Amino acid sequence: MDSIRKTFGALFAALGAYYCALGVFTLLRLPTVTSRWIQQSGDPDFHYDYSFFLMLTALGAVLVALLGWRTVVQGVATARGRRASWLALAISALPLHWFWFLHRTIDAGLLDRQGQIAAQQIAAIQLGTVCISYLALWLLMRRPHSHQPADLALLRTAR
């Protein structure tokens, strides 16, 4: 079981590094990424809200980079055999990836109907896979419950 934990830790450290790079590169190319996303959406009114979408894209990139950084830290700790709680990351991955799913769905706006469906399916599979993986790692890393009584003094007086 320990080797499985260490393997998952190393894999998630690599995933975290990818998220960090994705967040940083998005921030570095923020105006271009935002303009491309607005264009790909196919919505003629989106360009009026450019500054709002620019802010949302920057916020998303920062959150992805932070999730990546924490994933790297937790992944390295897990790969080294240390106990690390993955609950906060499992919880935060869900809303962050939900917004990523929405971003990807809107990004497919200019595709034909089949292309949009395929893009949504791929994004949904990615959302489910990543969130279930974080949850699985949290379940693997939970501390086993001890079967010892919580209050030993109470146990001694009961004898």
C-alpha atoms as a PDB file:
ATOM      1  CA  MET A   1       0.000   0.000   0.000  1.00  0.00           C
ATOM      2  CA  ASP A   2       2.899   2.323   0.747  1.00  0.00           C
ATOM      3  CA  SER A   3       4.298   1.979  -2.773  1.00  0.00           C
ATOM      4  CA  ILE A   4       0.879   2.864  -4.222  1.00  0.00           C
ATOM      5  CA  ARG A   5       0.775   6.004  -2.086  1.00  0.00           C
ATOM      6  CA  LYS A   6       4.278   6.984  -3.134  1.00  0.00           C
ATOM      7  CA  THR A   7       3.459   6.393  -6.809  1.00  0.00           C
ATOM      8  CA  PHE A   8       0.290   8.484  -6.569  1.00  0.00           C
ATOM      9  CA  GLY A   9       2.281  11.184  -4.776  1.00  0.00           C
ATOM     10  CA  ALA A  10       4.860  11.320  -7.566  1.00  0.00           C
ATOM     11  CA  LEU A  11       2.148  11.413 -10.244  1.00  0.00           C
ATOM     12  CA  PHE A  12       0.330  14.216  -8.469  1.00  0.00           C
ATOM     13  CA  ALA A  13       3.576  16.151  -8.017  1.00  0.00           C
ATOM     14  CA  ALA A  14       3.953  16.014 -11.811  1.00  0.00           C
ATOM     15  CA  LEU A  15       0.304  17.061 -12.257  1.00  0.00           C
ATOM     16  CA  GLY A  16       0.886  19.953  -9.859  1.00  0.00           C
ATOM     17  CA  ALA A  17       3.947  21.069 -11.826  1.00  0.00           C
ATOM     18  CA  TYR A  18       1.811  21.055 -14.980  1.00  0.00           C
ATOM     19  CA  TYR A  19      -0.853  23.169 -13.251  1.00  0.00           C
ATOM     20  CA  CYS A  20       1.801  25.635 -12.067  1.00  0.00           C
ATOM     21  CA  ALA A  21       3.206  25.970 -15.572  1.00  0.00           C
ATOM     22  CA  LEU A  22      -0.283  26.316 -17.059  1.00  0.00           C
ATOM     23  CA  GLY A  23      -1.180  29.081 -14.592  1.00  0.00           C
ATOM     24  CA  VAL A  24       2.065  30.992 -15.102  1.00  0.00           C
ATOM     25  CA  PHE A  25       1.998  30.747 -18.912  1.00  0.00           C
ATOM     26  CA  THR A  26      -1.647  31.831 -18.951  1.00  0.00           C
ATOM     27  CA  LEU A  27      -0.767  34.871 -16.849  1.00  0.00           C
ATOM     28  CA  LEU A  28       2.139  35.706 -19.137  1.00  0.00           C
ATOM     29  CA  ARG A  29      -0.126  35.613 -22.206  1.00  0.00           C
ATOM     30  CA  LEU A  30      -3.269  36.905 -20.487  1.00  0.00           C
ATOM     31  CA  PRO A  31      -4.502  39.406 -23.130  1.00  0.00           C
ATOM     32  CA  THR A  32      -3.918  36.936 -25.959  1.00  0.00           C
ATOM     33  CA  VAL A  33      -5.584  34.047 -24.124  1.00  0.00           C
ATOM     34  CA  THR A  34      -8.597  36.184 -23.226  1.00  0.00           C
ATOM     35  CA  SER A  35      -8.996  37.548 -26.768  1.00  0.00           C
ATOM     36  CA  ARG A  36      -8.727  34.060 -28.241  1.00  0.00           C
ATOM     37  CA  TRP A  37     -11.292  32.684 -25.795  1.00  0.00           C
ATOM     38  CA  ILE A  38     -13.740  35.508 -26.616  1.00  0.00           C
ATOM     39  CA  GLN A  39     -13.252  34.891 -30.328  1.00  0.00           C
ATOM     40  CA  GLN A  40     -13.661  31.097 -29.967  1.00  0.00           C
ATOM     41  CA  SER A  41     -16.864  31.538 -27.944  1.00  0.00           C
ATOM     42  CA  GLY A  42     -18.670  32.886 -30.977  1.00  0.00           C
ATOM     43  CA  ASP A  43     -20.725  35.258 -28.834  1.00  0.00           C
ATOM     44  CA  PRO A  44     -20.774  38.707 -30.470  1.00  0.00           C
ATOM     45  CA  ASP A  45     -21.384  40.476 -27.141  1.00  0.00           C
ATOM     46  CA  PHE A  46     -18.474  38.961 -25.230  1.00  0.00           C
ATOM     47  CA  HIS A  47     -15.974  41.505 -26.577  1.00  0.00           C
ATOM     48  CA  TYR A  48     -17.845  44.237 -24.656  1.00  0.00           C
ATOM     49  CA  ASP A  49     -16.905  42.489 -21.408  1.00  0.00           C
ATOM     50  CA  TYR A  50     -13.235  42.030 -22.283  1.00  0.00           C
ATOM     51  CA  SER A  51     -11.934  43.542 -19.022  1.00  0.00           C
ATOM     52  CA  PHE A  52     -14.283  41.347 -16.953  1.00  0.00           C
ATOM     53  CA  PHE A  53     -13.160  38.196 -18.786  1.00  0.00           C
ATOM     54  CA  LEU A  54      -9.548  39.312 -18.500  1.00  0.00           C
ATOM     55  CA  MET A  55      -9.980  39.531 -14.726  1.00  0.00           C
ATOM     56  CA  LEU A  56     -11.727  36.129 -14.577  1.00  0.00           C
ATOM     57  CA  THR A  57      -8.997  34.524 -16.667  1.00  0.00           C
ATOM     58  CA  ALA A  58      -6.305  36.000 -14.424  1.00  0.00           C
ATOM     59  CA  LEU A  59      -8.122  34.805 -11.313  1.00  0.00           C
ATOM     60  CA  GLY A  60      -8.511  31.337 -12.783  1.00  0.00           C
ATOM     61  CA  ALA A  61      -4.830  31.209 -13.743  1.00  0.00           C
ATOM     62  CA  VAL A  62      -3.755  32.234 -10.241  1.00  0.00           C
ATOM     63  CA  LEU A  63      -6.046  29.637  -8.660  1.00  0.00           C
ATOM     64  CA  VAL A  64      -4.768  26.920 -10.995  1.00  0.00           C
ATOM     65  CA  ALA A  65      -1.173  27.870 -10.155  1.00  0.00           C
ATOM     66  CA  LEU A  66      -1.956  27.797  -6.418  1.00  0.00           C
ATOM     67  CA  LEU A  67      -3.656  24.414  -6.726  1.00  0.00           C
ATOM     68  CA  GLY A  68      -0.627  23.220  -8.664  1.00  0.00           C
ATOM     69  CA  TRP A  69       1.815  24.519  -6.086  1.00  0.00           C
ATOM     70  CA  ARG A  70      -0.055  22.831  -3.195  1.00  0.00           C
ATOM     71  CA  THR A  71      -0.329  19.648  -5.256  1.00  0.00           C
ATOM     72  CA  VAL A  72       3.432  19.637  -5.830  1.00  0.00           C
ATOM     73  CA  VAL A  73       4.110  20.170  -2.114  1.00  0.00           C
ATOM     74  CA  GLN A  74       1.648  17.458  -1.050  1.00  0.00           C
ATOM     75  CA  GLY A  75       2.773  15.132  -3.853  1.00  0.00           C
ATOM     76  CA  VAL A  76       6.431  15.363  -2.900  1.00  0.00           C
ATOM     77  CA  ALA A  77       5.574  14.776   0.755  1.00  0.00           C
ATOM     78  CA  THR A  78       3.479  11.752  -0.181  1.00  0.00           C
ATOM     79  CA  ALA A  79       6.160  10.401  -2.518  1.00  0.00           C
ATOM     80  CA  ARG A  80       8.658  10.635   0.346  1.00  0.00           C
ATOM     81  CA  GLY A  81       6.365   8.549   2.516  1.00  0.00           C
ATOM     82  CA  ARG A  82       5.120  11.323   4.754  1.00  0.00           C
ATOM     83  CA  ARG A  83       1.500  11.590   5.730  1.00  0.00           C
ATOM     84  CA  ALA A  84      -0.235  14.477   3.981  1.00  0.00           C
ATOM     85  CA  SER A  85      -3.897  15.398   4.020  1.00  0.00           C
ATOM     86  CA  TRP A  86      -5.396  15.749   0.576  1.00  0.00           C
ATOM     87  CA  LEU A  87      -8.893  16.734   1.720  1.00  0.00           C
ATOM     88  CA  ALA A  88      -8.527  20.477   1.110  1.00  0.00           C
ATOM     89  CA  LEU A  89      -7.101  19.869  -2.354  1.00  0.00           C
ATOM     90  CA  ALA A  90      -9.841  17.345  -3.191  1.00  0.00           C
ATOM     91  CA  ILE A  91     -12.496  19.866  -2.156  1.00  0.00           C
ATOM     92  CA  SER A  92     -10.901  22.827  -3.952  1.00  0.00           C
ATOM     93  CA  ALA A  93     -10.324  20.817  -7.143  1.00  0.00           C
ATOM     94  CA  LEU A  94     -14.043  20.358  -7.691  1.00  0.00           C
ATOM     95  CA  PRO A  95     -15.175  24.002  -8.097  1.00  0.00           C
ATOM     96  CA  LEU A  96     -11.967  24.974  -9.868  1.00  0.00           C
ATOM     97  CA  HIS A  97     -12.371  22.199 -12.436  1.00  0.00           C
ATOM     98  CA  TRP A  98     -16.088  22.951 -12.763  1.00  0.00           C
ATOM     99  CA  PHE A  99     -15.198  26.462 -13.912  1.00  0.00           C
ATOM    100  CA  TRP A 100     -12.558  24.954 -16.204  1.00  0.00           C
ATOM    101  CA  PHE A 101     -15.325  22.763 -17.653  1.00  0.00           C
ATOM    102  CA  LEU A 102     -17.487  25.858 -18.310  1.00  0.00           C
ATOM    103  CA  HIS A 103     -14.505  27.647 -19.855  1.00  0.00           C
ATOM    104  CA  ARG A 104     -13.869  24.722 -22.202  1.00  0.00           C
ATOM    105  CA  THR A 105     -17.559  24.460 -23.110  1.00  0.00           C
ATOM    106  CA  ILE A 106     -17.784  28.151 -24.035  1.00  0.00           C
ATOM    107  CA  ASP A 107     -14.440  27.896 -25.857  1.00  0.00           C
ATOM    108  CA  ALA A 108     -16.054  25.396 -28.241  1.00  0.00           C
ATOM    109  CA  GLY A 109     -18.680  27.939 -29.339  1.00  0.00           C
ATOM    110  CA  LEU A 110     -17.569  28.163 -32.984  1.00  0.00           C
ATOM    111  CA  LEU A 111     -17.453  24.399 -33.473  1.00  0.00           C
ATOM    112  CA  ASP A 112     -20.296  22.568 -35.153  1.00  0.00           C
ATOM    113  CA  ARG A 113     -22.778  20.711 -32.956  1.00  0.00           C
ATOM    114  CA  GLN A 114     -20.804  17.436 -33.012  1.00  0.00           C
ATOM    115  CA  GLY A 115     -17.598  19.284 -32.198  1.00  0.00           C
ATOM    116  CA  GLN A 116     -19.264  21.012 -29.254  1.00  0.00           C
ATOM    117  CA  ILE A 117     -20.587  17.720 -27.925  1.00  0.00           C
ATOM    118  CA  ALA A 118     -17.157  16.115 -28.262  1.00  0.00           C
ATOM    119  CA  ALA A 119     -15.493  19.066 -26.494  1.00  0.00           C
ATOM    120  CA  GLN A 120     -18.019  18.857 -23.649  1.00  0.00           C
ATOM    121  CA  GLN A 121     -17.513  15.112 -23.298  1.00  0.00           C
ATOM    122  CA  ILE A 122     -13.743  15.461 -23.172  1.00  0.00           C
ATOM    123  CA  ALA A 123     -13.983  18.295 -20.634  1.00  0.00           C
ATOM    124  CA  ALA A 124     -16.446  16.282 -18.504  1.00  0.00           C
ATOM    125  CA  ILE A 125     -14.155  13.239 -18.550  1.00  0.00           C
ATOM    126  CA  GLN A 126     -11.209  15.426 -17.525  1.00  0.00           C
ATOM    127  CA  LEU A 127     -13.252  17.013 -14.719  1.00  0.00           C
ATOM    128  CA  GLY A 128     -14.377  13.635 -13.410  1.00  0.00           C
ATOM    129  CA  THR A 129     -10.979  11.990 -13.709  1.00  0.00           C
ATOM    130  CA  VAL A 130      -9.092  14.741 -11.910  1.00  0.00           C
ATOM    131  CA  CYS A 131     -11.657  15.174  -9.125  1.00  0.00           C
ATOM    132  CA  ILE A 132     -11.998  11.421  -8.559  1.00  0.00           C
ATOM    133  CA  SER A 133      -8.204  11.105  -8.537  1.00  0.00           C
ATOM    134  CA  TYR A 134      -7.853  13.783  -5.845  1.00  0.00           C
ATOM    135  CA  LEU A 135     -10.584  12.048  -3.844  1.00  0.00           C
ATOM    136  CA  ALA A 136      -8.924   8.654  -4.270  1.00  0.00           C
ATOM    137  CA  LEU A 137      -5.613  10.032  -3.048  1.00  0.00           C
ATOM    138  CA  TRP A 138      -7.316  11.581  -0.044  1.00  0.00           C
ATOM    139  CA  LEU A 139      -8.903   8.210   0.751  1.00  0.00           C
ATOM    140  CA  LEU A 140      -5.543   6.447   0.385  1.00  0.00           C
ATOM    141  CA  MET A 141      -3.791   8.930   2.650  1.00  0.00           C
ATOM    142  CA  ARG A 142      -6.331   8.985   5.490  1.00  0.00           C
ATOM    143  CA  ARG A 143      -4.931   7.901   8.788  1.00  0.00           C
ATOM    144  CA  PRO A 144      -6.245   4.539   9.905  1.00  0.00           C
ATOM    145  CA  HIS A 145      -8.596   4.697  12.859  1.00  0.00           C
ATOM    146  CA  SER A 146      -7.096   3.313  16.015  1.00  0.00           C
ATOM    147  CA  HIS A 147      -9.240   0.879  17.912  1.00  0.00           C
ATOM    148  CA  GLN A 148      -7.989   2.110  21.271  1.00  0.00           C
ATOM    149  CA  PRO A 149     -10.423   3.794  23.634  1.00  0.00           C
ATOM    150  CA  ALA A 150     -10.237   7.570  23.644  1.00  0.00           C
ATOM    151  CA  ASP A 151     -10.034   7.854  27.411  1.00  0.00           C
ATOM    152  CA  LEU A 152      -7.746   5.309  29.069  1.00  0.00           C
ATOM    153  CA  ALA A 153      -8.569   6.635  32.548  1.00  0.00           C
ATOM    154  CA  LEU A 154     -12.203   5.824  31.983  1.00  0.00           C
ATOM    155  CA  LEU A 155     -11.242   2.338  30.895  1.00  0.00           C
ATOM    156  CA  ARG A 156      -9.141   1.785  34.048  1.00  0.00           C
ATOM    157  CA  THR A 157     -11.978   2.828  36.340  1.00  0.00           C
ATOM    158  CA  ALA A 158     -14.395   0.549  34.548  1.00  0.00           C
ATOM    159  CA  ARG A 159     -12.300  -2.514  35.481  1.00  0.00           C
END
